[in-house]
Amino acid sequence: MTPEKFNLPRYLATLPLFSDMPEAELARLAEGCKLRRMERGKIIFHAGEPCEEFHVVVLGQIKLFVISPSGVEKVIELCGPGRSFAEAIMFLQMPYIVTAQALSDTLLLSIDKDVIVREIQNDWRFSLRVMAGLSRRLHGLIKDVEAYSLHSGVQRVIGYLLSDLRVASDGDASSATVSLPVAKAAIASRLSLTPEYFSRVLHELESAGLIQVDKRDIHIVDTEKLANYQPR
């Protein structure tokens, strides 16, 4: 897929934020968008830079992260296709507080702040959709804090594996396969774990007969047993 052949209005209509907009409004909104190809490793923006737009991942994976004073990287969020980011910061008129980097070759849609503000002024229902999207993001962050505070490392890994499943090709609903979208180190940082500990947990779950690891593909033998697993 090339940016030149990409149908922006049609794609915007698939996003929850814009799904109810008439075609004329979608076409107008598309005029304030830009579509870019980002090579793997490309920095999209740095923390501290001004934020005048928000972004949607069309294809690929984006990593949002911060660097501690000691130089340690902490992954805040991993954004795959259909995920948006930087909306709240854009409305707060603050600079970016994280750095965004492409973890794979990525097609990125950026939507200008002025276009969004104009639509908010034109249609109060659009404001409600914006608020709903920001509320979902806040709810996700609260769940993250709860997981880091109350759940063990093993429980965090199990929760991640069960959070986004696709049914295995054999049709057995009790089993499923998870394809890790990015390197294990990035996922470990997202879960506030070291890469070594993340690998040890996967090995423990595999030894318990709950999963089978094949590079980035993790086959869950029994989803219910995995959900109820008690760490040793």
Protein backbone atom coordinates (compact mmCIF):
# COMPACT_ATOMS: atom_id res chain seq x y z
CA MET A 1 0.00 0.00 0.00
CA THR A 2 1.38 3.40 -1.01
CA PRO A 3 0.34 6.77 0.47
CA GLU A 4 -0.56 7.98 -3.01
CA LYS A 5 -3.20 5.23 -3.45
CA PHE A 6 -4.53 5.38 0.09
CA ASN A 7 -8.19 6.41 0.45
CA LEU A 8 -8.02 8.71 3.47
CA PRO A 9 -11.75 9.45 3.88
CA ARG A 10 -12.61 5.75 3.70
CA TYR A 11 -9.97 4.87 6.29
CA LEU A 12 -11.05 7.67 8.63
CA ALA A 13 -14.58 6.26 8.55
CA THR A 14 -13.26 3.00 10.06
CA LEU A 15 -11.90 4.78 13.16
CA PRO A 16 -14.29 5.12 16.15
CA LEU A 17 -13.56 8.82 16.42
CA PHE A 18 -14.83 9.54 12.90
CA SER A 19 -17.17 6.63 12.15
CA ASP A 20 -20.42 8.66 12.22
CA MET A 21 -19.21 11.59 10.12
CA PRO A 22 -20.85 12.29 6.73
CA GLU A 23 -18.73 11.82 3.62
CA ALA A 24 -18.39 15.57 3.07
CA GLU A 25 -16.96 16.07 6.56
CA LEU A 26 -14.62 13.11 6.16
CA ALA A 27 -13.33 14.58 2.93
CA ARG A 28 -12.76 17.91 4.65
CA LEU A 29 -11.04 16.20 7.57
CA ALA A 30 -8.78 14.29 5.20
CA GLU A 31 -7.42 17.59 3.91
CA GLY A 32 -5.83 18.15 7.32
CA CYS A 33 -4.18 14.73 7.40
CA LYS A 34 -0.84 13.53 6.20
CA LEU A 35 0.25 9.96 5.57
CA ARG A 36 3.89 9.01 5.97
CA ARG A 37 6.00 5.90 5.64
CA MET A 38 8.32 5.49 8.64
CA GLU A 39 11.21 3.07 8.39
CA ARG A 40 11.98 0.73 11.27
CA GLY A 41 13.91 2.62 13.96
CA LYS A 42 12.72 6.05 12.77
CA ILE A 43 11.98 8.56 15.54
CA ILE A 44 8.61 10.20 14.93
CA PHE A 45 8.98 12.79 17.66
CA HIS A 46 11.07 13.36 20.78
CA ALA A 47 9.87 14.22 24.27
CA GLY A 48 9.90 18.01 24.64
CA GLU A 49 9.00 18.81 21.04
CA PRO A 50 5.80 20.81 20.42
CA CYS A 51 2.65 18.76 19.78
CA GLU A 52 0.36 20.16 17.07
CA GLU A 53 -1.17 16.90 15.84
CA PHE A 54 -2.11 13.42 16.92
CA HIS A 55 -1.33 10.16 15.18
CA VAL A 56 -2.91 6.87 14.11
CA VAL A 57 -0.98 3.73 13.21
CA VAL A 58 -2.32 2.40 9.92
CA LEU A 59 0.23 -0.40 9.51
CA GLY A 60 3.17 -1.37 11.68
CA GLN A 61 4.10 -0.83 15.33
CA ILE A 62 5.00 2.31 17.28
CA LYS A 63 6.76 2.40 20.64
CA LEU A 64 6.14 5.26 23.09
CA PHE A 65 8.90 5.46 25.68
CA VAL A 66 10.79 7.63 28.14
CA ILE A 67 14.42 7.59 29.23
CA SER A 68 15.23 7.74 32.94
CA PRO A 69 18.01 10.01 34.28
CA SER A 70 20.20 6.90 34.50
CA GLY A 71 19.62 6.15 30.81
CA VAL A 72 17.19 3.25 31.22
CA GLU A 73 14.40 3.03 28.65
CA LYS A 74 10.83 2.46 29.85
CA VAL A 75 8.19 1.55 27.28
CA ILE A 76 4.94 3.36 28.06
CA GLU A 77 2.81 1.98 25.27
CA LEU A 78 2.98 -0.20 22.16
CA CYS A 79 0.65 1.00 19.41
CA GLY A 80 -0.40 -1.30 16.59
CA PRO A 81 -2.74 -0.81 13.62
CA GLY A 82 -5.79 1.31 14.43
CA ARG A 83 -4.31 2.72 17.64
CA SER A 84 -4.04 6.47 18.09
CA PHE A 85 -1.76 8.43 20.38
CA ALA A 86 -0.92 11.99 21.52
CA GLU A 87 -4.54 13.24 21.53
CA ALA A 88 -4.53 14.35 25.18
CA ILE A 89 -1.19 16.15 24.94
CA MET A 90 -2.38 17.94 21.81
CA PHE A 91 -5.42 19.34 23.61
CA LEU A 92 -3.39 20.33 26.67
CA GLN A 93 -1.13 22.47 24.49
CA MET A 94 1.89 20.79 26.05
CA PRO A 95 5.01 19.39 24.38
CA TYR A 96 5.27 15.66 23.89
CA ILE A 97 6.12 13.91 27.17
CA VAL A 98 7.29 10.68 25.50
CA THR A 99 9.38 9.77 22.47
CA ALA A 100 7.77 7.79 19.64
CA GLN A 101 9.73 5.34 17.49
CA ALA A 102 8.76 2.94 14.72
CA LEU A 103 9.48 -0.67 15.71
CA SER A 104 8.80 -1.87 12.18
CA ASP A 105 8.19 -0.29 8.80
CA THR A 106 5.09 1.76 9.56
CA LEU A 107 2.41 3.69 7.73
CA LEU A 108 1.45 6.58 10.00
CA LEU A 109 -1.49 8.96 9.73
CA SER A 110 -1.11 12.36 11.42
CA ILE A 111 -4.12 14.64 11.94
CA ASP A 112 -3.65 18.36 12.47
CA LYS A 113 -4.95 19.93 15.66
CA ASP A 114 -6.67 22.82 13.88
CA VAL A 115 -8.81 20.40 11.87
CA ILE A 116 -9.96 18.58 15.02
CA VAL A 117 -10.77 21.83 16.82
CA ARG A 118 -12.81 22.99 13.84
CA GLU A 119 -14.89 19.80 13.85
CA ILE A 120 -15.46 20.08 17.59
CA GLN A 121 -16.80 23.59 17.07
CA ASN A 122 -19.04 22.43 14.23
CA ASP A 123 -20.58 19.34 15.88
CA TRP A 124 -20.99 18.72 19.62
CA ARG A 125 -21.38 14.97 18.95
CA PHE A 126 -17.83 14.91 17.69
CA SER A 127 -16.73 16.30 21.07
CA LEU A 128 -18.39 13.35 22.79
CA ARG A 129 -16.49 10.89 20.60
CA VAL A 130 -13.23 12.64 21.41
CA MET A 131 -14.03 12.49 25.12
CA ALA A 132 -14.93 8.80 24.86
CA GLY A 133 -11.62 8.03 23.19
CA LEU A 134 -9.64 9.90 25.84
CA SER A 135 -11.65 8.17 28.58
CA ARG A 136 -10.76 4.75 27.14
CA ARG A 137 -7.10 5.70 27.19
CA LEU A 138 -7.35 6.88 30.81
CA HIS A 139 -9.11 3.65 31.79
CA GLY A 140 -6.29 1.67 30.20
CA LEU A 141 -3.68 3.63 32.13
CA ILE A 142 -5.54 3.03 35.41
CA LYS A 143 -5.60 -0.70 34.66
CA ASP A 144 -1.85 -0.58 34.02
CA VAL A 145 -1.19 1.08 37.37
CA GLU A 146 -3.38 -1.52 39.06
CA ALA A 147 -1.50 -4.35 37.37
CA TYR A 148 1.92 -2.99 38.30
CA SER A 149 0.85 -2.37 41.90
CA LEU A 150 -1.23 -5.46 42.70
CA HIS A 151 -0.21 -8.19 40.27
CA SER A 152 2.92 -10.31 40.23
CA GLY A 153 5.17 -10.48 37.20
CA VAL A 154 3.73 -13.86 36.24
CA GLN A 155 0.18 -12.48 36.44
CA ARG A 156 1.18 -9.54 34.23
CA VAL A 157 2.58 -11.83 31.55
CA ILE A 158 -0.49 -14.07 31.65
CA GLY A 159 -2.74 -11.02 31.45
CA TYR A 160 -0.85 -9.79 28.40
CA LEU A 161 -1.06 -13.16 26.64
CA LEU A 162 -4.79 -13.41 27.25
CA SER A 163 -5.58 -9.80 26.35
CA ASP A 164 -5.43 -10.17 22.57
CA LEU A 165 -6.07 -13.69 21.34
CA ARG A 166 -6.87 -15.19 18.01
CA VAL A 167 -8.50 -18.64 17.96
CA ALA A 168 -6.13 -21.39 16.92
CA SER A 169 -6.52 -22.75 13.41
CA ASP A 170 -7.65 -26.15 14.72
CA GLY A 171 -10.91 -24.52 15.81
CA ASP A 172 -10.54 -25.51 19.46
CA ALA A 173 -11.94 -22.53 21.38
CA SER A 174 -10.06 -23.57 24.53
CA SER A 175 -6.72 -23.02 22.79
CA ALA A 176 -5.35 -19.96 21.05
CA THR A 177 -2.22 -18.52 19.53
CA VAL A 178 -0.69 -15.16 20.36
CA SER A 179 1.78 -13.63 17.92
CA LEU A 180 3.98 -11.15 19.75
CA PRO A 181 3.91 -7.99 17.61
CA VAL A 182 7.33 -6.76 18.74
CA ALA A 183 10.50 -8.04 20.38
CA LYS A 184 10.16 -9.64 23.81
CA ALA A 185 12.36 -6.93 25.34
CA ALA A 186 9.87 -4.23 24.33
CA ILE A 187 6.96 -6.18 25.76
CA ALA A 188 8.89 -6.81 28.98
CA SER A 189 9.53 -3.09 29.38
CA ARG A 190 5.85 -2.38 28.71
CA LEU A 191 4.99 -4.75 31.58
CA SER A 192 7.67 -3.20 33.84
CA LEU A 193 9.70 -6.42 33.79
CA THR A 194 13.27 -7.17 32.78
CA PRO A 195 13.72 -9.15 29.55
CA GLU A 196 15.36 -11.94 31.55
CA TYR A 197 12.40 -12.22 33.93
CA PHE A 198 9.92 -12.16 31.03
CA SER A 199 11.77 -15.07 29.41
CA ARG A 200 11.84 -16.98 32.70
CA VAL A 201 8.07 -16.60 33.06
CA LEU A 202 7.51 -17.93 29.54
CA HIS A 203 9.77 -20.87 30.34
CA GLU A 204 7.86 -21.53 33.58
CA LEU A 205 4.52 -21.49 31.76
CA GLU A 206 5.91 -23.76 29.05
CA SER A 207 7.29 -26.20 31.65
CA ALA A 208 3.85 -26.27 33.27
CA GLY A 209 2.37 -27.39 29.93
CA LEU A 210 0.28 -24.24 29.54
CA ILE A 211 1.99 -22.72 26.48
CA GLN A 212 4.28 -23.68 23.62
CA VAL A 213 6.75 -21.03 22.45
CA ASP A 214 7.85 -20.88 18.81
CA LYS A 215 9.87 -17.68 18.40
CA ARG A 216 7.22 -14.92 18.51
CA ASP A 217 4.26 -17.30 18.25
CA ILE A 218 2.96 -18.51 21.61
CA HIS A 219 0.38 -21.28 21.48
CA ILE A 220 -1.84 -21.36 24.57
CA VAL A 221 -2.80 -24.98 25.21
CA ASP A 222 -5.75 -24.15 27.51
CA THR A 223 -6.80 -20.55 28.03
CA GLU A 224 -8.81 -21.29 31.18
CA LYS A 225 -5.97 -23.17 32.86
CA LEU A 226 -3.57 -20.38 31.96
CA ALA A 227 -5.92 -17.76 33.41
CA ASN A 228 -6.17 -19.73 36.66
CA TYR A 229 -2.47 -20.58 36.94
CA GLN A 230 -0.93 -19.95 40.35
CA PRO A 231 2.81 -19.12 40.27
CA ARG A 232 5.15 -21.48 42.01
